[in-house]
N, C-alpha and C. Protein backbone atom coordinates (compact mmCIF):
# COMPACT_ATOMS: atom_id res chain seq x y z
N UNK A 1 -36.49 26.44 0.25
CA UNK A 1 -35.17 26.99 1.53
C UNK A 1 -34.23 25.44 1.24
N UNK A 2 -34.65 24.29 1.27
CA UNK A 2 -33.57 23.35 1.10
C UNK A 2 -32.67 23.93 -0.04
N UNK A 3 -33.30 24.06 -1.38
CA UNK A 3 -32.29 24.37 -2.42
C UNK A 3 -31.25 25.17 -2.29
N UNK A 4 -31.64 26.29 -1.32
CA UNK A 4 -30.63 27.37 -0.95
C UNK A 4 -29.48 26.85 -0.12
N UNK A 5 -29.67 25.87 0.90
CA UNK A 5 -29.04 25.42 1.69
C UNK A 5 -27.74 24.08 1.12
N UNK A 6 -28.88 23.45 0.02
CA UNK A 6 -27.85 22.45 -0.90
C UNK A 6 -26.86 23.15 -1.53
N UNK A 7 -27.31 24.57 -2.14
CA UNK A 7 -26.33 25.49 -3.15
C UNK A 7 -25.26 26.02 -2.01
N UNK A 8 -25.76 26.59 -0.97
CA UNK A 8 -24.61 26.84 0.03
C UNK A 8 -23.35 25.92 0.61
N UNK A 9 -24.03 24.84 0.50
CA UNK A 9 -23.59 23.43 1.05
C UNK A 9 -22.27 23.24 0.18
N UNK A 10 -23.12 23.36 -1.36
CA UNK A 10 -22.21 22.48 -2.45
C UNK A 10 -20.64 23.90 -2.35
N UNK A 11 -21.16 25.14 -2.40
CA UNK A 11 -20.22 26.53 -2.41
C UNK A 11 -18.92 26.02 -1.21
N UNK A 12 -19.70 25.73 0.03
CA UNK A 12 -18.72 25.55 1.21
C UNK A 12 -17.96 24.36 0.96
N UNK A 13 -18.05 23.30 0.49
CA UNK A 13 -17.35 22.16 0.26
C UNK A 13 -16.30 22.17 -0.94
N UNK A 14 -16.57 23.01 -2.24
CA UNK A 14 -15.94 23.61 -2.96
C UNK A 14 -14.77 24.45 -2.27
N UNK A 15 -15.11 25.29 -1.61
CA UNK A 15 -14.37 26.33 -1.11
C UNK A 15 -13.42 25.38 -0.23
N UNK A 16 -13.85 24.76 0.59
CA UNK A 16 -12.92 24.16 1.64
C UNK A 16 -12.20 22.99 1.23
N UNK A 17 -12.86 22.51 0.06
CA UNK A 17 -11.61 21.64 -0.55
C UNK A 17 -10.05 22.59 -1.45
N UNK A 18 -10.46 23.63 -2.06
CA UNK A 18 -9.84 24.59 -2.45
C UNK A 18 -8.69 25.46 -1.32
N UNK A 19 -9.41 25.63 -0.16
CA UNK A 19 -8.74 26.03 0.67
C UNK A 19 -7.64 25.02 1.31
N UNK A 20 -7.90 24.02 1.75
CA UNK A 20 -6.98 22.70 2.26
C UNK A 20 -5.65 22.65 1.14
N UNK A 21 -6.38 22.64 0.01
CA UNK A 21 -4.98 22.25 -1.20
C UNK A 21 -4.10 23.54 -1.23
N UNK A 22 -4.72 24.63 -1.21
CA UNK A 22 -3.88 25.76 -1.15
C UNK A 22 -3.11 25.91 0.32
N UNK A 23 -3.91 25.73 1.39
CA UNK A 23 -3.06 25.84 2.87
C UNK A 23 -2.08 24.85 2.92
N UNK A 24 -2.62 23.45 2.23
CA UNK A 24 -1.48 22.61 2.44
C UNK A 24 0.02 22.91 1.75
N UNK A 25 -0.33 23.22 0.29
CA UNK A 25 0.68 23.33 -0.30
C UNK A 25 1.65 24.73 0.06
N UNK A 26 1.23 25.68 0.98
CA UNK A 26 1.69 26.71 1.35
C UNK A 26 2.46 26.14 2.61
N UNK A 27 1.40 25.32 3.64
CA UNK A 27 2.43 24.60 4.85
C UNK A 27 3.58 23.85 4.63
N UNK A 28 2.94 22.90 3.43
CA UNK A 28 4.12 21.63 3.58
C UNK A 28 5.31 22.02 2.61
N UNK A 29 4.89 22.62 1.42
CA UNK A 29 6.16 22.62 0.89
C UNK A 29 7.09 24.00 0.77
N UNK A 30 7.88 23.82 1.85
CA UNK A 30 8.56 25.04 2.71
C UNK A 30 9.95 25.01 1.60
N UNK A 31 10.85 25.47 2.12
CA UNK A 31 12.31 25.79 1.63
C UNK A 31 12.95 24.39 1.66
N UNK A 32 12.87 23.76 2.78
CA UNK A 32 13.19 22.41 3.10
C UNK A 32 12.83 21.60 1.98
N UNK A 33 11.59 21.39 1.39
CA UNK A 33 10.82 20.52 0.60
C UNK A 33 10.54 21.11 -0.66
N UNK A 34 11.27 21.75 -1.18
CA UNK A 34 10.56 22.84 -1.81
C UNK A 34 10.75 22.01 -3.27
N UNK A 35 11.60 20.73 -3.41
CA UNK A 35 11.87 20.18 -4.48
C UNK A 35 10.97 18.57 -5.06
N UNK A 36 9.91 19.04 -4.17
CA UNK A 36 8.62 17.74 -4.17
C UNK A 36 7.31 18.58 -4.50
N UNK A 37 6.22 17.96 -4.60
CA UNK A 37 5.06 18.74 -5.15
C UNK A 37 4.04 17.91 -3.80
N UNK A 38 3.13 18.71 -3.39
CA UNK A 38 1.91 18.10 -2.73
C UNK A 38 1.59 16.83 -2.78
N UNK A 39 1.50 16.27 -4.16
CA UNK A 39 1.51 15.00 -4.92
C UNK A 39 2.34 13.93 -4.36
N UNK A 40 3.46 14.44 -4.35
CA UNK A 40 4.53 13.81 -3.84
C UNK A 40 4.37 13.21 -1.99
N UNK A 41 4.24 14.42 -1.40
CA UNK A 41 3.83 14.19 -0.11
C UNK A 41 2.52 13.22 0.31
N UNK A 42 1.76 13.26 -0.58
CA UNK A 42 0.59 12.12 -0.05
C UNK A 42 1.35 10.60 -0.41
N UNK A 43 2.19 10.54 -1.18
CA UNK A 43 2.76 9.36 -1.81
C UNK A 43 3.60 8.99 -0.63
N UNK A 44 4.11 9.95 0.12
CA UNK A 44 5.16 9.81 1.12
C UNK A 44 4.33 9.45 2.14
N UNK A 45 3.06 10.06 2.70
CA UNK A 45 1.87 9.62 3.71
C UNK A 45 1.92 7.96 3.43
N UNK A 46 1.48 7.88 2.13
CA UNK A 46 0.88 6.24 1.78
C UNK A 46 2.00 5.46 1.96
N UNK A 47 3.30 5.72 1.87
CA UNK A 47 4.32 5.13 2.14
C UNK A 47 4.30 4.56 3.59
N UNK A 48 4.32 5.57 4.48
CA UNK A 48 4.26 5.58 5.78
C UNK A 48 5.63 5.14 6.35
N UNK A 49 5.79 5.17 7.68
CA UNK A 49 6.90 5.03 8.68
C UNK A 49 7.24 3.74 9.29
N UNK A 50 6.27 2.91 9.11
CA UNK A 50 6.64 1.70 9.75
C UNK A 50 6.59 0.40 9.37
N UNK A 51 6.66 0.08 8.42
CA UNK A 51 7.26 -1.25 7.63
C UNK A 51 7.39 -0.84 6.45
N UNK A 52 8.11 -1.62 5.43
CA UNK A 52 8.22 -1.46 4.09
C UNK A 52 6.81 -1.93 3.50
N UNK A 53 6.64 -1.16 2.41
CA UNK A 53 5.50 -1.43 1.48
C UNK A 53 5.78 -1.67 -0.01
N UNK A 54 4.58 -2.79 -0.33
CA UNK A 54 4.94 -2.89 -1.67
C UNK A 54 4.47 -1.69 -2.46
N UNK A 55 4.87 -1.76 -3.84
CA UNK A 55 4.11 -0.95 -4.74
C UNK A 55 2.75 -1.03 -4.85
N UNK A 56 2.47 -2.26 -5.04
CA UNK A 56 0.80 -2.36 -5.00
C UNK A 56 0.01 -1.97 -3.85
N UNK A 57 0.56 -2.09 -3.07
CA UNK A 57 -0.31 -1.49 -1.47
C UNK A 57 -0.05 -0.14 -1.71
N UNK A 58 0.64 0.50 -1.87
CA UNK A 58 0.95 2.12 -2.17
C UNK A 58 -0.22 2.70 -3.27
N UNK A 59 0.06 1.82 -4.60
CA UNK A 59 -0.82 2.26 -5.41
C UNK A 59 -2.50 2.27 -4.94
N UNK A 60 -2.63 0.78 -4.46
CA UNK A 60 -3.96 0.80 -4.06
C UNK A 60 -4.75 1.83 -3.41
N UNK A 61 -3.52 2.14 -2.02
CA UNK A 61 -3.82 3.29 -1.13
C UNK A 61 -4.24 4.64 -1.78
N UNK A 62 -3.72 4.90 -3.10
CA UNK A 62 -3.43 6.04 -3.46
C UNK A 62 -4.83 6.07 -4.88
N UNK A 63 -5.11 5.14 -5.21
CA UNK A 63 -5.81 4.73 -6.17
C UNK A 63 -5.79 5.25 -7.42
N UNK A 64 -4.26 4.80 -7.58
CA UNK A 64 -3.77 4.88 -9.12
C UNK A 64 -3.17 3.52 -9.42
N UNK A 65 -2.69 3.38 -10.69
CA UNK A 65 -2.05 2.26 -11.16
C UNK A 65 -0.33 2.23 -10.72
N UNK A 66 0.06 1.10 -10.66
CA UNK A 66 1.24 0.63 -10.40
C UNK A 66 2.20 1.74 -11.34
N UNK A 67 2.06 1.52 -12.61
CA UNK A 67 2.59 2.56 -13.67
C UNK A 67 2.64 3.81 -13.18
N UNK A 68 1.89 4.63 -13.09
CA UNK A 68 1.66 5.84 -12.74
C UNK A 68 2.32 5.99 -11.47
N UNK A 69 2.18 5.24 -10.23
CA UNK A 69 3.35 5.39 -9.28
C UNK A 69 4.46 5.37 -9.62
N UNK A 70 4.95 4.27 -10.54
CA UNK A 70 6.37 4.22 -10.52
C UNK A 70 7.02 5.83 -11.07
N UNK A 71 6.31 6.32 -11.82
CA UNK A 71 6.87 7.59 -12.35
C UNK A 71 7.39 8.36 -11.24
N UNK A 72 6.38 8.50 -10.19
CA UNK A 72 6.65 9.47 -8.76
C UNK A 72 7.63 8.90 -8.36
N UNK A 73 7.67 7.69 -8.05
CA UNK A 73 8.48 6.79 -7.41
C UNK A 73 10.22 6.86 -7.74
N UNK A 74 10.16 7.07 -9.29
CA UNK A 74 11.60 7.17 -9.68
C UNK A 74 12.02 8.75 -9.20
N UNK A 75 11.32 9.77 -9.38
CA UNK A 75 11.65 11.16 -9.03
C UNK A 75 12.09 11.28 -7.46
N UNK A 76 10.92 10.54 -6.82
CA UNK A 76 11.12 10.57 -5.17
C UNK A 76 12.86 9.88 -4.64
N UNK A 77 12.78 8.74 -5.69
CA UNK A 77 14.38 8.01 -5.19
C UNK A 77 15.44 8.88 -5.80
N UNK A 78 15.31 9.76 -6.95
CA UNK A 78 16.24 10.61 -7.40
C UNK A 78 16.58 11.77 -6.02
N UNK A 79 15.51 12.16 -5.95
CA UNK A 79 15.60 12.98 -4.72
C UNK A 79 16.15 12.79 -3.14
N UNK A 80 16.32 11.42 -3.10
CA UNK A 80 16.32 11.05 -1.82
C UNK A 80 15.59 10.88 -0.59
N UNK A 81 14.40 11.14 -1.05
CA UNK A 81 13.27 10.49 -0.21
C UNK A 81 12.85 9.11 0.11
N UNK A 82 13.09 8.42 -1.17
CA UNK A 82 12.81 6.79 -0.85
C UNK A 82 13.92 5.93 -0.94
N UNK A 83 13.36 4.50 -0.59
CA UNK A 83 14.43 3.67 -1.39
C UNK A 83 13.81 2.59 -1.79
N UNK A 84 14.14 2.01 -2.60
CA UNK A 84 13.04 0.94 -3.46
C UNK A 84 14.29 -0.57 -3.39
N UNK A 85 13.57 -1.85 -3.06
CA UNK A 85 14.18 -2.68 -2.90
C UNK A 85 13.53 -4.19 -3.31
N UNK A 86 13.90 -4.98 -3.75
CA UNK A 86 13.73 -5.96 -4.41
C UNK A 86 13.22 -6.99 -3.00
N UNK A 87 12.15 -7.70 -2.95
CA UNK A 87 11.75 -8.65 -2.00
C UNK A 87 12.75 -9.38 -1.91
N UNK A 88 13.12 -9.89 -0.60
CA UNK A 88 13.87 -11.41 -0.76
C UNK A 88 13.16 -12.85 -0.98
N UNK A 89 11.82 -12.73 -0.56
CA UNK A 89 10.82 -13.89 -0.70
C UNK A 89 10.45 -13.81 -2.37
N UNK A 90 9.97 -12.49 -2.78
CA UNK A 90 9.94 -12.95 -4.40
C UNK A 90 10.26 -11.63 -5.21
N UNK A 91 11.10 -12.16 -6.03
CA UNK A 91 11.81 -11.06 -6.57
C UNK A 91 10.82 -9.83 -7.42
N UNK A 92 9.74 -10.42 -8.00
CA UNK A 92 8.86 -9.59 -8.71
C UNK A 92 8.44 -8.42 -7.68
N UNK A 93 8.43 -8.50 -6.82
CA UNK A 93 7.94 -7.46 -5.80
C UNK A 93 8.80 -6.40 -5.26
N UNK A 94 8.64 -5.14 -5.23
CA UNK A 94 9.23 -4.05 -5.49
C UNK A 94 8.79 -3.44 -3.73
N UNK A 95 9.90 -3.33 -2.92
CA UNK A 95 9.58 -2.75 -1.48
C UNK A 95 10.20 -1.29 -1.43
N UNK A 96 9.27 -0.69 -0.53
CA UNK A 96 9.71 0.89 -0.77
C UNK A 96 9.60 1.40 0.67
N UNK A 97 10.85 1.88 1.42
CA UNK A 97 10.62 2.76 2.54
C UNK A 97 11.16 3.94 2.38
N UNK A 98 11.12 4.62 3.08
CA UNK A 98 11.38 6.46 3.59
C UNK A 98 12.87 6.33 4.10
N UNK A 99 13.42 7.38 3.18
CA UNK A 99 14.93 7.41 3.75
C UNK A 99 14.71 8.64 4.99
N UNK A 100 15.82 9.04 5.76
CA UNK A 100 15.62 9.88 6.35
C UNK A 100 14.85 11.21 6.46
N UNK A 101 15.47 11.68 5.34
CA UNK A 101 14.70 12.74 4.72
C UNK A 101 13.30 12.74 4.26
N UNK A 102 12.62 11.30 3.74
CA UNK A 102 11.43 11.21 3.24
C UNK A 102 10.80 11.28 4.94
N UNK A 103 11.15 10.42 5.78
CA UNK A 103 10.68 10.65 7.30
C UNK A 103 10.26 11.91 7.53
N UNK A 104 11.46 13.01 7.46
CA UNK A 104 11.23 13.87 7.90
C UNK A 104 10.11 14.65 7.18
N UNK A 105 9.88 14.65 6.17
CA UNK A 105 9.01 14.97 4.83
C UNK A 105 7.38 14.51 5.63
N UNK A 106 7.27 13.38 6.11
CA UNK A 106 6.45 12.68 6.50
C UNK A 106 5.90 13.03 7.76
N UNK A 107 6.66 13.56 8.86
CA UNK A 107 6.44 13.81 10.04
C UNK A 107 5.92 15.24 9.60
N UNK A 108 6.82 16.10 8.69
CA UNK A 108 6.15 17.68 8.56
C UNK A 108 5.00 17.73 7.80
N UNK A 109 4.49 16.52 7.17
CA UNK A 109 3.34 16.88 6.42
C UNK A 109 1.99 16.31 7.58
N UNK A 110 2.46 15.25 8.49
CA UNK A 110 1.76 14.96 9.37
C UNK A 110 1.38 16.23 10.65
N UNK A 111 2.28 16.80 10.51
CA UNK A 111 2.21 18.03 11.47
C UNK A 111 0.90 18.95 11.06
N UNK A 112 1.28 19.14 9.70
CA UNK A 112 0.24 20.35 8.93
C UNK A 112 -1.16 19.52 9.34
N UNK A 113 -1.37 18.48 9.11
CA UNK A 113 -2.67 17.74 9.41
C UNK A 113 -3.07 17.68 10.64
N UNK A 114 -2.30 17.64 11.54
CA UNK A 114 -2.77 17.94 12.96
C UNK A 114 -3.26 19.01 13.32
N UNK A 115 -2.23 20.06 12.89
CA UNK A 115 -2.72 21.72 13.16
C UNK A 115 -4.04 22.31 12.46
N UNK A 116 -4.20 21.53 11.39
CA UNK A 116 -5.44 21.69 10.50
C UNK A 116 -6.66 20.87 11.68
N UNK A 117 -6.41 20.04 11.84
CA UNK A 117 -7.55 19.41 12.55
C UNK A 117 -7.84 19.73 13.81
N UNK A 118 -6.75 20.15 14.90
CA UNK A 118 -6.93 20.84 15.91
C UNK A 118 -7.77 22.06 15.70
N UNK A 119 -7.49 23.05 14.49
CA UNK A 119 -8.33 24.14 14.31
C UNK A 119 -9.48 24.25 14.04
N UNK A 120 -9.78 22.90 13.36
CA UNK A 120 -11.22 22.36 12.89
C UNK A 120 -12.41 22.15 13.89
N UNK A 121 -11.58 21.63 15.07
CA UNK A 121 -12.64 20.92 15.98
C UNK A 121 -12.74 21.91 17.45
N UNK A 122 -11.74 23.00 17.23
CA UNK A 122 -11.56 23.79 18.44
C UNK A 122 -13.04 24.30 18.65
N UNK A 123 -13.28 24.07 19.89
CA UNK A 123 -14.45 24.74 20.64
C UNK A 123 -15.67 23.79 20.56
N UNK A 124 -16.01 22.71 19.50
CA UNK A 124 -16.91 21.91 19.32
C UNK A 124 -16.86 21.02 20.75
N UNK A 125 -18.29 20.80 21.12
CA UNK A 125 -18.69 19.88 21.73
C UNK A 125 -18.78 18.54 21.59
N UNK A 126 -19.03 17.61 22.39
CA UNK A 126 -19.04 16.11 21.95
C UNK A 126 -20.10 16.24 20.96
N UNK A 127 -21.27 16.62 21.05
CA UNK A 127 -22.44 16.35 20.31
C UNK A 127 -22.04 17.06 18.74
N UNK A 128 -21.09 17.97 18.62
CA UNK A 128 -20.57 18.77 17.59
C UNK A 128 -20.30 17.89 16.69
N UNK A 129 -19.12 17.26 17.53
CA UNK A 129 -17.95 16.49 16.95
C UNK A 129 -18.53 15.16 16.24
N UNK A 130 -19.45 14.44 17.17
CA UNK A 130 -20.29 13.31 16.75
C UNK A 130 -21.13 14.08 15.16
N UNK A 131 -21.87 14.89 15.40
CA UNK A 131 -22.47 15.19 14.20
C UNK A 131 -21.44 15.59 12.99
N UNK A 132 -20.60 16.32 13.11
CA UNK A 132 -19.17 16.59 12.08
C UNK A 132 -18.79 15.18 11.60
N UNK A 133 -18.15 14.18 12.73
CA UNK A 133 -17.83 12.68 12.32
C UNK A 133 -19.02 11.93 11.43
N UNK A 134 -20.29 12.21 11.92
CA UNK A 134 -21.49 11.63 10.95
C UNK A 134 -21.43 11.86 9.72
N UNK A 135 -21.23 13.39 9.23
CA UNK A 135 -21.43 14.02 7.89
C UNK A 135 -20.21 13.76 7.02
N UNK A 136 -19.26 13.70 7.70
CA UNK A 136 -17.86 13.46 6.99
C UNK A 136 -17.40 12.11 6.61
N UNK A 137 -18.18 11.16 7.57
CA UNK A 137 -18.26 9.44 7.25
C UNK A 137 -19.35 9.54 6.07
N UNK A 138 -20.33 10.01 5.86
CA UNK A 138 -21.19 9.84 4.87
C UNK A 138 -20.55 10.43 3.66
N UNK A 139 -20.09 11.57 3.57
CA UNK A 139 -19.38 12.12 2.43
C UNK A 139 -18.20 11.26 1.98
N UNK A 140 -17.57 10.75 2.91
CA UNK A 140 -16.34 9.88 2.53
C UNK A 140 -16.73 8.56 2.03
N UNK A 141 -17.97 7.88 2.60
CA UNK A 141 -18.58 6.95 1.88
C UNK A 141 -19.12 7.03 0.45
N UNK A 142 -19.59 8.24 0.03
CA UNK A 142 -20.18 8.70 -0.97
C UNK A 142 -18.97 8.61 -2.13
N UNK A 143 -17.55 9.29 -1.56
CA UNK A 143 -16.34 9.14 -2.73
C UNK A 143 -16.12 7.79 -3.01
N UNK A 144 -16.00 7.05 -1.81
CA UNK A 144 -15.31 5.67 -1.97
C UNK A 144 -16.37 4.82 -2.77
N UNK A 145 -17.65 5.28 -2.81
CA UNK A 145 -18.52 4.35 -3.61
C UNK A 145 -18.36 4.77 -5.13
N UNK A 146 -17.30 5.69 -5.36
CA UNK A 146 -17.32 5.92 -6.85
C UNK A 146 -18.16 6.95 -7.63
N UNK A 147 -18.79 7.78 -6.52
CA UNK A 147 -19.86 8.84 -7.01
C UNK A 147 -18.90 10.07 -7.97
């Protein structure tokens, strides 16, 4: 019986992952933001809206190399979503901020995630919320450990 549940859980997780990616692409990449990809939206999210971020911080957050990130940043800068500048304290450091267009994309992406979470937890009681958080925390720890 445990094997059947394990197989069902695997199928559920794979389907959920694919549905989230598909739904996110459909919801986030609208007419207004048709010039960027879902990956670009995640870079915009990693940059954030609060303070200038350096390329190393962003790359680490996304688990990519600075070189890989640079290619994407070139594209986002050309399209008007970000601005890059050298740090006044250390000229080797490149700081990134979102433009107004980038901020709009950030909030658009954030709103999709808020709606998704509201839908996922609708009707859950406190005990079910705790169980869901516990399961997802364990799953996240598995992925963060590099498994």
